[in-house]
Amino acid sequence: MIPTSRTQATPAEQAAAQLANLRSATVPVPVLTAAAALIAAQLEDPDPATRDAAGAVHGHLTAAIEAAAPGR
């Protein structure tokens, strides 16, 4: 696991840290879609660093979902 600076990180924060550093993976599109939906809640977080990280992860997930769309 990628270490986080906070020892009391929530599971969502740990997942975001993992996804932010992920370079490649083979994941079913429904899993990507669920992950994007879960991280979307953090796009409106009052903490700017959390919003930025969530935006970056959400963007990567959305791009992966769109790239997997039929007909591409």
Protein backbone atom coordinates (compact mmCIF):
# COMPACT_ATOMS: atom_id res chain seq x y z
CA MET A 1 0.00 0.00 0.00
CA ILE A 2 1.10 3.55 -0.62
CA PRO A 3 1.73 5.24 2.73
CA THR A 4 -0.34 8.28 3.60
CA SER A 5 0.74 11.18 5.76
CA ARG A 6 -2.31 10.81 7.98
CA THR A 7 -2.39 7.76 10.21
CA GLN A 8 -6.18 8.04 10.62
CA ALA A 9 -7.01 7.99 6.91
CA THR A 10 -10.49 6.75 6.08
CA PRO A 11 -10.94 3.89 3.60
CA ALA A 12 -12.05 6.42 0.97
CA GLU A 13 -8.94 8.53 1.55
CA GLN A 14 -6.74 5.45 1.30
CA ALA A 15 -8.48 4.42 -1.93
CA ALA A 16 -8.05 7.91 -3.39
CA ALA A 17 -4.33 7.82 -2.55
CA GLN A 18 -4.02 4.45 -4.26
CA LEU A 19 -5.93 5.54 -7.37
CA ALA A 20 -4.05 8.83 -7.65
CA ASN A 21 -0.79 6.92 -8.03
CA LEU A 22 -2.10 4.10 -10.23
CA ARG A 23 -0.43 3.98 -13.63
CA SER A 24 -2.20 1.05 -15.26
CA ALA A 25 -4.67 -1.68 -14.44
CA THR A 26 -7.22 -3.94 -16.07
CA VAL A 27 -10.54 -3.32 -14.40
CA PRO A 28 -14.09 -4.03 -15.59
CA VAL A 29 -15.94 -0.89 -16.71
CA PRO A 30 -18.70 -1.33 -14.07
CA VAL A 31 -16.02 -1.19 -11.36
CA LEU A 32 -14.58 1.99 -12.89
CA THR A 33 -18.06 3.49 -13.04
CA ALA A 34 -18.71 2.66 -9.38
CA ALA A 35 -15.35 4.13 -8.36
CA ALA A 36 -16.08 7.32 -10.30
CA ALA A 37 -19.46 7.63 -8.60
CA LEU A 38 -17.90 7.16 -5.17
CA ILE A 39 -15.12 9.68 -5.71
CA ALA A 40 -17.54 12.23 -7.21
CA ALA A 41 -18.83 13.00 -3.71
CA GLN A 42 -15.40 14.42 -2.88
CA LEU A 43 -15.47 16.90 -5.79
CA GLU A 44 -17.34 19.34 -3.54
CA ASP A 45 -15.23 18.78 -0.41
CA PRO A 46 -14.43 21.97 1.51
CA ASP A 47 -10.71 21.08 1.52
CA PRO A 48 -9.06 22.28 -1.70
CA ALA A 49 -6.43 19.51 -1.66
CA THR A 50 -9.16 16.88 -1.38
CA ARG A 51 -11.09 18.51 -4.25
CA ASP A 52 -7.96 18.60 -6.41
CA ALA A 53 -7.09 14.96 -5.72
CA ALA A 54 -10.68 13.85 -6.26
CA GLY A 55 -10.82 15.81 -9.52
CA ALA A 56 -7.64 14.20 -10.79
CA VAL A 57 -8.77 10.68 -9.88
CA HIS A 58 -12.28 11.28 -11.23
CA GLY A 59 -10.79 12.57 -14.48
CA HIS A 60 -8.62 9.47 -14.90
CA LEU A 61 -11.57 7.18 -14.17
CA THR A 62 -13.84 9.05 -16.59
CA ALA A 63 -11.19 8.93 -19.32
CA ALA A 64 -10.78 5.18 -18.82
CA ILE A 65 -14.54 4.65 -18.99
CA GLU A 66 -14.82 6.72 -22.17
CA ALA A 67 -11.85 4.93 -23.76
CA ALA A 68 -13.54 1.60 -23.13
CA ALA A 69 -16.77 2.70 -24.82
CA PRO A 70 -17.83 0.48 -27.77
CA GLY A 71 -16.99 1.85 -31.18
CA ARG A 72 -13.71 3.49 -30.23
